[in-house]
Protein backbone atom coordinates (compact mmCIF):
# COMPACT_ATOMS: atom_id res chain seq x y z
CA MET A 1 3.82 1.37 -16.52
CA ASN A 2 6.47 -1.20 -15.66
CA ARG A 3 8.55 -1.35 -12.48
CA HIS A 4 12.21 -2.36 -12.64
CA TYR A 5 13.96 -3.44 -9.43
CA TYR A 6 17.72 -3.18 -8.90
CA ILE A 7 19.92 -4.05 -5.93
CA SER A 8 22.95 -2.07 -4.83
CA ASN A 9 25.02 -1.55 -1.72
CA ASN A 10 26.37 1.84 -2.88
CA LEU A 11 24.17 4.83 -2.06
CA ASP A 12 26.57 7.23 -3.81
CA ASP A 13 26.07 5.30 -7.06
CA LEU A 14 22.29 5.32 -6.54
CA GLU A 15 22.35 9.08 -5.98
CA THR A 16 24.21 9.53 -9.28
CA LEU A 17 21.82 7.14 -11.01
CA GLU A 18 18.77 9.04 -9.75
CA SER A 19 20.24 12.34 -10.98
CA GLU A 20 21.01 10.85 -14.40
CA LEU A 21 17.50 9.43 -14.74
CA GLU A 22 15.94 12.77 -13.79
CA ALA A 23 18.21 14.59 -16.27
CA ASN A 24 16.97 12.23 -18.99
CA GLY A 25 13.27 12.89 -18.36
CA ILE A 26 12.23 10.37 -15.72
CA ASN A 27 10.43 12.21 -12.91
CA THR A 28 11.44 11.94 -9.26
CA GLU A 29 8.01 10.45 -8.49
CA GLN A 30 8.92 7.44 -10.64
CA ILE A 31 12.12 6.67 -8.71
CA HIS A 32 12.32 5.09 -5.24
CA VAL A 33 14.88 3.58 -2.90
CA LEU A 34 13.82 0.97 -0.38
CA SER A 35 16.25 0.40 2.45
CA ASP A 36 16.44 -0.50 6.11
CA LYS A 37 18.86 2.44 6.48
CA ASP A 38 16.43 5.34 6.06
CA ALA A 39 18.79 7.90 7.58
CA ASP A 40 21.51 7.06 5.04
CA VAL A 41 19.01 7.27 2.17
CA GLU A 42 17.85 10.67 3.42
CA GLN A 43 21.44 11.87 3.74
CA HIS A 44 22.04 11.06 0.05
CA HIS A 45 18.90 13.00 -0.99
CA LEU A 46 17.33 9.92 -2.54
CA HIS A 47 13.59 9.54 -2.99
CA ASP A 48 12.80 6.90 -0.38
CA VAL A 49 9.71 4.75 0.02
CA ASN A 50 7.43 6.21 2.68
CA SER A 51 6.70 4.04 5.69
CA PHE A 52 3.05 3.59 4.67
CA MET A 53 4.09 1.96 1.39
CA LYS A 54 6.59 -0.32 3.15
CA GLN A 55 3.64 -2.04 4.80
CA ASP A 56 0.92 -4.07 3.10
CA VAL A 57 -2.01 -1.86 4.14
CA VAL A 58 -3.51 -1.32 0.68
CA HIS A 59 -3.16 -4.91 -0.54
CA SER A 60 -4.53 -6.34 2.72
CA GLY A 61 -7.37 -3.79 2.68
CA GLU A 62 -8.29 -5.00 -0.81
CA ILE A 63 -8.37 -8.58 0.47
CA GLY A 64 -10.61 -7.37 3.29
CA ALA A 65 -12.93 -5.79 0.70
CA VAL A 66 -13.07 -9.06 -1.25
CA ILE A 67 -14.19 -10.79 1.94
CA GLY A 68 -16.49 -7.93 3.01
CA VAL A 69 -18.52 -7.64 -0.20
CA PRO A 70 -19.95 -11.19 0.00
CA LEU A 71 -20.55 -10.79 3.73
CA ALA A 72 -22.43 -7.53 3.13
CA ALA A 73 -24.44 -9.22 0.37
CA LEU A 74 -25.16 -12.09 2.77
CA VAL A 75 -26.53 -9.62 5.35
CA LEU A 76 -28.86 -8.11 2.74
CA LEU A 77 -29.90 -11.52 1.38
CA GLY A 78 -30.52 -12.87 4.88
CA ALA A 79 -32.65 -9.88 5.82
CA TRP A 80 -34.68 -10.22 2.63
CA LEU A 81 -35.17 -14.01 2.95
CA ALA A 82 -36.20 -13.66 6.62
CA GLY A 83 -38.76 -11.04 5.65
CA TRP A 84 -37.25 -8.41 7.93
CA THR A 85 -37.21 -5.88 5.11
CA GLU A 86 -41.04 -5.90 5.12
CA THR A 87 -41.13 -4.23 8.54
CA PRO A 88 -41.77 -0.47 8.85
CA ALA A 89 -37.99 0.09 9.04
CA GLY A 90 -37.57 -1.46 5.59
CA TRP A 91 -34.14 -1.89 4.05
CA VAL A 92 -32.41 1.04 5.77
CA PRO A 93 -31.02 -0.72 8.88
CA PHE A 94 -29.82 -3.67 6.83
CA VAL A 95 -28.12 -1.50 4.24
CA PHE A 96 -26.34 0.34 7.07
CA LEU A 97 -25.38 -3.00 8.66
CA ALA A 98 -24.03 -4.21 5.31
CA ILE A 99 -21.96 -1.02 4.99
CA VAL A 100 -20.63 -1.49 8.54
CA VAL A 101 -19.71 -5.13 7.80
CA LEU A 102 -17.91 -4.11 4.59
CA GLY A 103 -16.12 -1.23 6.33
CA PHE A 104 -15.06 -3.48 9.21
CA CYS A 105 -13.61 -6.08 6.83
CA ILE A 106 -11.62 -3.42 4.95
CA TRP A 107 -10.42 -1.87 8.22
CA GLU A 108 -9.43 -5.26 9.64
CA GLY A 109 -7.57 -6.15 6.43
CA GLY A 110 -5.70 -2.84 6.56
CA PHE A 111 -4.97 -3.34 10.25
CA PHE A 112 -3.43 -6.72 9.46
CA GLY A 113 -1.48 -5.12 6.58
CA ILE A 114 0.20 -2.63 8.92
CA GLN A 115 1.91 -5.58 10.59
CA VAL A 116 3.42 -7.21 7.48
CA PRO A 117 5.78 -5.98 4.76
CA ASN A 118 4.39 -4.92 1.39
CA ALA A 119 3.69 -7.96 -0.80
CA HIS A 120 5.76 -6.42 -3.62
CA PHE A 121 8.86 -6.21 -1.40
CA ARG A 122 8.67 -9.46 0.60
CA ASN A 123 11.05 -11.40 -1.62
CA LEU A 124 13.62 -8.56 -1.36
CA LYS A 125 13.48 -8.26 2.44
CA GLU A 126 16.43 -10.62 2.99
CA ARG A 127 18.67 -8.54 0.74
CA MET A 128 17.79 -5.42 2.73
CA LYS A 129 18.67 -7.20 5.99
CA GLU A 130 22.08 -7.86 4.46
CA GLY A 131 22.57 -4.09 4.15
CA GLU A 132 21.68 -3.71 0.48
CA HIS A 133 19.30 -1.16 -1.00
CA ILE A 134 16.50 -1.75 -3.47
CA PHE A 135 16.30 0.85 -6.24
CA PHE A 136 13.17 0.72 -8.34
CA VAL A 137 11.89 2.80 -11.22
CA ASP A 138 8.38 2.99 -12.70
CA VAL A 139 8.65 3.71 -16.42
CA GLU A 140 6.30 4.19 -19.33
CA PRO A 141 6.95 1.91 -22.32
CA ASP A 142 8.53 4.81 -24.23
CA GLN A 143 10.94 5.43 -21.30
CA GLU A 144 12.32 1.88 -21.28
CA SER A 145 15.17 2.80 -23.65
CA ILE A 146 16.16 5.76 -21.43
CA LEU A 147 16.31 3.49 -18.39
CA ASP A 148 18.32 0.83 -20.25
CA ARG A 149 20.80 3.41 -21.54
CA VAL A 150 21.37 5.01 -18.12
CA ILE A 151 21.58 1.68 -16.27
CA THR A 152 24.44 0.49 -18.51
CA HIS A 153 26.66 3.17 -16.90
CA HIS A 154 26.17 1.56 -13.47
CA PRO A 155 27.66 -1.95 -13.61
CA GLN A 156 27.41 -2.45 -9.84
CA LEU A 157 23.61 -2.65 -10.05
CA GLN A 158 22.05 -6.09 -10.03
CA LEU A 159 18.71 -6.55 -11.76
CA ALA A 160 16.26 -7.93 -9.20
CA GLY A 161 13.25 -8.28 -11.49
CA THR A 162 10.30 -6.42 -12.88
CA GLY A 163 6.71 -6.00 -11.82
CA SER A 164 3.63 -3.89 -12.10
CA ALA A 165 4.05 -0.22 -11.29
CA SER A 166 1.88 2.47 -9.81
CA PRO A 167 -0.82 3.55 -12.25
CA HIS A 168 0.19 6.37 -14.60
CA TRP A 169 -2.49 8.72 -13.26
CA ILE A 170 -1.14 8.44 -9.69
CA VAL A 171 2.44 9.18 -10.78
CA ALA A 172 1.25 12.11 -12.92
CA TRP A 173 -0.86 13.50 -10.07
CA LEU A 174 2.07 13.24 -7.62
CA HIS A 175 4.34 15.01 -10.12
CA ARG A 176 1.85 17.87 -10.55
CA TRP A 177 1.35 18.07 -6.78
CA HIS A 178 5.09 18.37 -6.12
CA GLN A 179 5.42 21.02 -8.82
CA PHE A 180 2.55 22.95 -7.25
CA LYS A 181 4.14 22.74 -3.78
CA ARG A 182 7.41 24.16 -5.18
CA THR A 183 5.58 27.22 -6.54
CA ILE A 184 4.06 28.06 -3.16
């Protein structure tokens, strides 16, 4: 999937755009609006970015894992080289220590990520401070033409770039989940 970013200062136009995209087969779960004015976005019934995704928790947690895996391996290697694994306790305490070290690194990375904006949105943060809204759509390659066709009817939108999108399986799962919740 590909993600297309657009900038607009008109929430009414974005509401119309979202409706048009949904009418043409792009699911709500593929469409998001990122804004510093959450109340206004909610008032226009737009699919906003949840506060968890506005922060860099996942990306920073992954960095923590990249640091934690070698540290955990170092714990296991150190225990083996020192001969501590030959004691009656064996490998068990060192495996648990390695898991704790890895978990701590992931937790600490995520904790740091709560404090900083999502890496995907950092370069757009200034535009949001100026009162503009970031509209982004995750599309499959076969939906690119639908997006292009609908976007041409909204000349106020400014293209802000493209990037990698959420994996297809996550978007599909969220779509099925929301359909299931509507049936309950």
